[in-house]
Protein backbone atom coordinates (compact mmCIF):
# COMPACT_ATOMS: atom_id res chain seq x y z
CA MET A 1 84.24 130.32 -65.23
CA SER A 2 87.86 131.34 -64.87
CA ASN A 3 90.24 128.81 -63.35
CA LYS A 4 92.41 131.62 -61.98
CA ARG A 5 92.15 132.26 -58.27
CA LEU A 6 93.38 134.84 -55.82
CA LEU A 7 93.68 133.67 -52.21
CA TYR A 8 93.60 136.55 -49.77
CA ILE A 9 95.22 135.95 -46.33
CA ALA A 10 93.59 138.51 -44.05
CA GLY A 11 93.79 139.28 -40.38
CA PRO A 12 94.92 141.87 -37.84
CA THR A 13 98.50 142.99 -37.40
CA ALA A 14 100.81 140.47 -35.73
CA VAL A 15 98.36 137.51 -36.16
CA GLY A 16 100.77 135.50 -38.39
CA LYS A 17 99.82 136.32 -41.96
CA THR A 18 103.31 136.38 -43.39
CA ALA A 19 104.18 132.86 -42.29
CA LEU A 20 101.03 131.30 -43.76
CA SER A 21 101.20 133.28 -47.01
CA VAL A 22 104.80 132.14 -47.60
CA ALA A 23 103.87 128.53 -46.83
CA LEU A 24 100.95 128.71 -49.25
CA ALA A 25 103.04 130.33 -51.94
CA LYS A 26 105.55 127.46 -51.68
CA TYR A 27 102.75 124.92 -51.79
CA PHE A 28 101.21 126.40 -54.94
CA ARG A 29 104.61 127.40 -56.33
CA THR A 30 103.41 130.93 -56.90
CA GLU A 31 103.98 134.57 -55.94
CA ILE A 32 102.60 137.01 -53.36
CA ILE A 33 100.91 140.39 -53.69
CA SER A 34 101.09 142.58 -50.59
CA CYS A 35 98.07 144.73 -49.83
CA ASP A 36 99.54 146.71 -46.96
CA ALA A 37 99.01 150.46 -47.28
CA ARG A 38 102.35 151.29 -45.67
CA GLN A 39 104.76 148.47 -46.57
CA CYS A 40 104.81 149.79 -50.17
CA TYR A 41 106.84 152.81 -49.07
CA LYS A 42 110.58 152.21 -49.37
CA GLU A 43 111.48 154.78 -46.70
CA MET A 44 109.49 152.85 -44.06
CA SER A 45 110.63 149.43 -42.89
CA ILE A 46 110.76 148.92 -39.15
CA GLY A 47 107.54 150.72 -38.23
CA THR A 48 105.56 148.96 -41.00
CA ALA A 49 106.88 145.50 -40.06
CA VAL A 50 108.13 144.76 -43.56
CA PRO A 51 109.05 141.06 -43.70
CA SER A 52 112.73 140.33 -43.59
CA ILE A 53 114.57 138.57 -46.41
CA LYS A 54 114.63 135.53 -44.15
CA GLU A 55 110.82 135.66 -43.62
CA LEU A 56 110.16 136.03 -47.33
CA GLU A 57 112.05 132.74 -47.89
CA GLY A 58 112.81 133.52 -51.52
CA ILE A 59 109.18 133.93 -52.56
CA PRO A 60 108.69 136.88 -54.93
CA HIS A 61 106.63 139.64 -53.32
CA HIS A 62 104.98 142.59 -55.04
CA PHE A 63 104.05 146.02 -53.70
CA ILE A 64 106.67 146.02 -50.99
CA HIS A 65 109.08 148.98 -51.00
CA ASN A 66 108.05 149.92 -54.57
CA LYS A 67 106.81 153.46 -53.80
CA SER A 68 108.11 156.60 -52.18
CA ILE A 69 106.39 158.51 -49.38
CA HIS A 70 106.53 161.47 -51.70
CA GLN A 71 104.24 159.69 -54.19
CA ALA A 72 100.46 159.78 -53.84
CA PHE A 73 99.31 156.17 -53.66
CA GLY A 74 95.94 154.98 -52.46
CA ALA A 75 93.44 152.17 -52.84
CA GLY A 76 92.42 153.31 -56.29
CA ASP A 77 96.06 153.29 -57.47
CA PHE A 78 96.54 149.88 -55.92
CA GLU A 79 93.48 148.54 -57.74
CA LYS A 80 94.71 149.82 -61.11
CA GLU A 81 98.32 148.60 -60.76
CA GLY A 82 97.19 145.39 -59.06
CA LEU A 83 94.94 144.37 -61.89
CA GLU A 84 97.68 145.00 -64.41
CA LEU A 85 100.02 142.84 -62.30
CA LEU A 86 97.45 140.05 -61.95
CA LYS A 87 96.84 139.89 -65.69
CA LYS A 88 100.59 139.40 -66.13
CA LEU A 89 101.08 136.86 -63.34
CA PHE A 90 98.03 134.84 -64.17
CA GLN A 91 99.63 134.06 -67.53
CA LYS A 92 102.13 132.02 -65.52
CA TYR A 93 100.16 130.87 -62.49
CA ASP A 94 96.65 129.58 -61.81
CA THR A 95 96.80 130.61 -58.13
CA LEU A 96 98.22 133.81 -56.56
CA ILE A 97 98.41 134.79 -52.91
CA MET A 98 97.47 138.24 -51.57
CA VAL A 99 98.35 139.14 -47.99
CA GLY A 100 98.02 142.27 -45.85
CA GLY A 101 95.98 144.03 -43.26
CA SER A 102 94.69 146.91 -45.39
CA GLY A 103 91.13 145.74 -46.01
CA LEU A 104 90.23 148.62 -48.32
CA TYR A 105 93.14 147.78 -50.64
CA ALA A 106 92.10 144.17 -50.74
CA LYS A 107 88.50 145.05 -51.46
CA ALA A 108 89.59 147.39 -54.23
CA LEU A 109 91.45 144.59 -56.02
CA MET A 110 88.92 141.83 -55.43
CA GLU A 111 85.66 143.75 -55.90
CA GLY A 112 86.34 147.31 -57.07
CA LEU A 113 85.95 150.52 -55.13
CA ASP A 114 82.64 152.12 -54.23
CA ILE A 115 81.46 155.09 -56.23
CA PHE A 116 81.14 158.39 -54.36
CA PRO A 117 79.77 161.80 -55.38
CA LYS A 118 82.19 164.44 -56.60
CA ILE A 119 83.28 166.46 -53.60
CA THR A 120 82.13 170.10 -53.58
CA LYS A 121 84.35 173.04 -52.62
CA THR A 122 81.84 173.90 -49.87
CA ALA A 123 82.25 170.47 -48.33
CA THR A 124 86.02 170.67 -48.56
CA ASP A 125 86.03 174.11 -46.85
CA ILE A 126 83.73 172.95 -44.06
CA VAL A 127 85.86 169.90 -43.23
CA ARG A 128 89.12 171.88 -43.54
CA GLU A 129 87.81 174.39 -41.00
CA ILE A 130 86.96 171.54 -38.56
CA TYR A 131 90.47 170.10 -38.91
CA GLN A 132 92.27 173.45 -38.60
CA SER A 133 90.27 174.55 -35.56
CA SER A 134 89.84 171.26 -33.68
CA GLY A 135 92.38 168.84 -35.11
CA LEU A 136 91.98 165.11 -35.17
CA GLN A 137 89.51 165.10 -32.26
CA GLY A 138 87.30 167.55 -34.16
CA LEU A 139 87.18 165.26 -37.16
CA GLN A 140 86.37 162.26 -34.93
CA LYS A 141 83.56 164.15 -33.19
CA ALA A 142 82.08 165.29 -36.48
CA LEU A 143 82.17 161.82 -38.01
CA VAL A 144 80.64 160.01 -35.04
CA THR A 145 77.72 162.45 -35.31
CA LYS A 146 77.23 162.20 -39.08
CA ASP A 147 78.07 158.48 -39.57
CA PRO A 148 78.43 156.41 -36.37
CA ALA A 149 78.45 153.17 -38.41
CA TYR A 150 81.55 154.15 -40.38
CA TYR A 151 83.11 155.74 -37.32
CA ASN A 152 83.15 152.33 -35.64
CA THR A 153 85.18 150.74 -38.46
CA VAL A 154 87.44 153.52 -39.75
CA ASP A 155 91.01 154.07 -38.61
CA ARG A 156 90.21 156.97 -36.36
CA LEU A 157 93.84 158.02 -36.09
CA ASN A 158 94.09 158.55 -39.84
CA PRO A 159 92.99 162.11 -40.58
CA ARG A 160 92.95 161.51 -44.34
CA ARG A 161 90.29 158.75 -43.95
CA LEU A 162 88.22 160.97 -41.61
CA ILE A 163 88.43 163.98 -43.91
CA ARG A 164 87.40 161.93 -46.92
CA ALA A 165 84.35 160.47 -45.14
CA LEU A 166 83.26 163.86 -43.85
CA GLU A 167 83.64 165.45 -47.28
CA VAL A 168 81.34 162.80 -48.71
CA CYS A 169 78.85 163.35 -45.88
CA GLU A 170 78.84 167.10 -46.42
CA THR A 171 78.54 166.81 -50.18
CA ALA A 172 75.79 164.22 -50.34
CA GLN A 173 74.09 165.04 -47.07
CA LYS A 174 74.10 161.29 -46.51
CA PRO A 175 76.37 159.04 -44.36
CA TYR A 176 79.59 157.86 -45.97
CA SER A 177 78.53 154.31 -45.19
CA TYR A 178 75.50 154.71 -47.45
CA PHE A 179 77.77 154.42 -50.48
CA LEU A 180 79.64 151.37 -49.30
CA GLY A 181 79.15 147.89 -50.79
CA LYS A 182 77.17 148.90 -53.86
CA SER A 183 79.76 148.72 -56.57
CA VAL A 184 80.95 145.11 -56.76
CA VAL A 185 82.42 144.43 -60.23
CA ASP A 186 83.05 141.22 -62.10
CA ARG A 187 86.66 140.08 -62.11
CA PHE A 188 88.53 137.70 -64.39
CA PHE A 189 89.50 135.60 -61.40
CA LYS A 190 87.89 133.93 -58.44
CA THR A 191 88.68 135.04 -54.87
CA GLN A 192 88.55 133.54 -51.41
CA THR A 193 89.50 135.13 -48.10
CA LEU A 194 91.07 133.18 -45.25
CA LEU A 195 90.72 135.21 -42.07
CA LEU A 196 93.31 134.45 -39.41
CA THR A 197 92.22 135.00 -35.80
CA ARG A 198 93.76 134.58 -32.42
CA HIS A 199 92.56 134.85 -28.87
CA ARG A 200 92.54 138.56 -28.08
CA LYS A 201 94.89 138.25 -25.06
CA GLN A 202 97.42 136.31 -27.13
CA LEU A 203 97.18 138.78 -30.03
CA TYR A 204 97.68 141.78 -27.78
CA GLU A 205 100.69 140.15 -26.19
CA ARG A 206 102.16 139.58 -29.62
CA ILE A 207 101.53 143.19 -30.58
CA ASN A 208 103.20 144.47 -27.43
CA GLU A 209 106.19 142.22 -28.08
CA ARG A 210 106.40 143.26 -31.71
CA VAL A 211 106.49 146.94 -30.76
CA GLU A 212 109.26 146.28 -28.28
CA GLU A 213 111.21 144.46 -30.98
CA MET A 214 110.69 147.35 -33.35
CA VAL A 215 112.09 149.76 -30.77
CA LYS A 216 115.09 147.54 -30.23
CA GLY A 217 115.52 147.33 -34.01
CA GLY A 218 115.79 151.05 -34.43
CA LEU A 219 112.24 152.38 -34.84
CA GLU A 220 113.09 155.64 -33.05
CA LYS A 221 116.00 156.34 -35.39
CA GLU A 222 113.88 155.52 -38.44
CA ALA A 223 111.14 157.86 -37.26
CA GLN A 224 113.74 160.59 -36.58
CA SER A 225 115.02 160.32 -40.12
CA LEU A 226 111.46 160.89 -41.42
CA TYR A 227 110.50 163.71 -38.99
CA SER A 228 110.89 166.47 -41.50
CA TYR A 229 108.24 164.77 -43.66
CA LYS A 230 105.75 164.18 -40.89
CA GLU A 231 102.98 166.09 -42.65
CA LEU A 232 102.93 163.62 -45.54
CA SER A 233 99.89 161.34 -45.57
CA ALA A 234 102.05 158.19 -45.62
CA LEU A 235 103.54 159.13 -42.23
CA LYS A 236 100.33 159.90 -40.43
CA THR A 237 100.22 156.36 -39.11
CA VAL A 238 100.69 154.38 -35.91
CA GLY A 239 104.33 153.80 -35.06
CA TYR A 240 105.46 157.12 -36.47
CA SER A 241 102.97 159.70 -35.26
CA GLU A 242 103.73 158.88 -31.66
CA TRP A 243 107.46 159.36 -32.18
CA PHE A 244 106.83 162.69 -33.88
CA ASP A 245 104.92 163.75 -30.75
CA HIS A 246 107.94 162.65 -28.70
CA PHE A 247 110.30 164.70 -30.79
CA ASP A 248 107.92 167.65 -30.27
CA SER A 249 108.25 167.03 -26.45
CA LYS A 250 104.61 166.01 -26.14
CA LEU A 251 105.44 162.47 -24.94
CA THR A 252 108.25 160.93 -22.97
CA ARG A 253 110.08 157.99 -24.57
CA GLU A 254 108.27 155.54 -22.28
CA GLU A 255 104.88 157.11 -23.05
CA THR A 256 105.66 156.95 -26.75
CA ILE A 257 106.22 153.19 -26.66
CA THR A 258 103.11 152.65 -24.59
CA GLU A 259 101.05 154.77 -26.98
CA ILE A 260 102.31 152.82 -30.01
CA GLN A 261 101.31 149.55 -28.35
CA LYS A 262 97.87 150.92 -27.35
CA ASN A 263 97.18 152.42 -30.75
CA THR A 264 98.30 149.25 -32.52
CA ARG A 265 95.95 147.15 -30.41
CA ARG A 266 93.11 149.52 -31.25
CA TYR A 267 93.99 149.30 -34.92
CA ALA A 268 93.97 145.48 -34.75
CA LYS A 269 90.47 145.61 -33.18
CA ARG A 270 89.23 147.84 -36.00
CA GLN A 271 90.82 145.48 -38.57
CA MET A 272 88.90 142.51 -37.16
CA THR A 273 85.64 144.51 -37.27
CA TRP A 274 86.26 145.23 -40.95
CA PHE A 275 87.25 141.64 -41.94
CA GLN A 276 84.34 140.02 -40.11
CA LYS A 277 81.93 141.86 -42.39
CA ILE A 278 83.32 140.30 -45.59
CA ASP A 279 82.81 136.78 -46.87
CA ASN A 280 85.62 134.77 -45.26
CA ILE A 281 86.73 131.44 -43.93
CA PRO A 282 87.94 131.92 -40.36
CA ILE A 283 91.06 130.06 -39.27
CA SER A 284 91.87 130.16 -35.56
CA VAL A 285 95.58 130.44 -34.82
CA GLU A 286 96.52 129.44 -31.35
CA GLU A 287 99.99 128.22 -32.04
CA GLN A 288 102.92 130.31 -33.31
CA LYS A 289 101.57 129.93 -36.88
CA PRO A 290 98.70 128.22 -38.56
CA THR A 291 99.33 124.84 -40.13
CA LEU A 292 99.50 124.65 -43.88
CA GLU A 293 97.34 121.57 -43.85
CA GLN A 294 94.58 123.45 -42.02
CA ALA A 295 94.56 126.19 -44.66
CA ILE A 296 94.74 123.77 -47.59
CA GLN A 297 91.75 121.83 -46.21
CA GLN A 298 89.66 125.01 -45.98
CA ILE A 299 90.71 126.19 -49.44
CA GLY A 300 89.70 122.82 -50.91
CA LYS A 301 86.17 123.25 -49.57
CA SER A 302 85.73 126.59 -51.26
CA PHE A 303 87.25 126.15 -54.71
């Protein structure tokens, strides 16, 4: 059995993943792979909560600001490039740290992606018509009817995810969730997931405070600079979509901030639903950050 191991630090946004991952990287004298679906885009910093140079504490990080919003980059691309990176880094290290809240990206690297049927043109046309005629709400309504199980876990504000699921449903005439979890592949390394959790009230307070700090840090200006690219998939995300609505005079500035906080809390809830379904070691974080000793103790029990 391989002596190489990938430790995945999972958890909802604002739970404290960065602090623990850096502490673990220092302890193991290793490097960090980010599995955040948005922090990889170099044009997006404030709204994606990219760690500051100070927070990174000199630890090498990969997949942060290494792509452009104009590049197509998804979980499959992350899996391919991530495996190439791991082969290279494991020549130097026995332990690597992965951190990020994009569960699908993490699953892709640790287990491989699920295999879906080839989408038919008919399915694409049907879903496109739903989106064009009824927008995001139309996609949501269609998915909750065809696959309520996946509807309860998917990011319902991400039209690309909804469209993909509905295309599979229409093509196969089966729920999208039917194809999930059937394609686990063997990897050349062992994995373990540490799931950070906080009391919901505390987590929501941290989320609200983080959004306020983002606004003070220039999130509105950052979103304004990206407004002309708002139709790109990378920008159809919480923290930017709301500002685009504000620029289109659909929301006041105060409503925009409130919507970002609300949608971020909802996203955090969906993240926890996703993570709780995978094999993990839960670590409750009730202080500002989890103790390194607590994590090391849990890791020692599993490896």
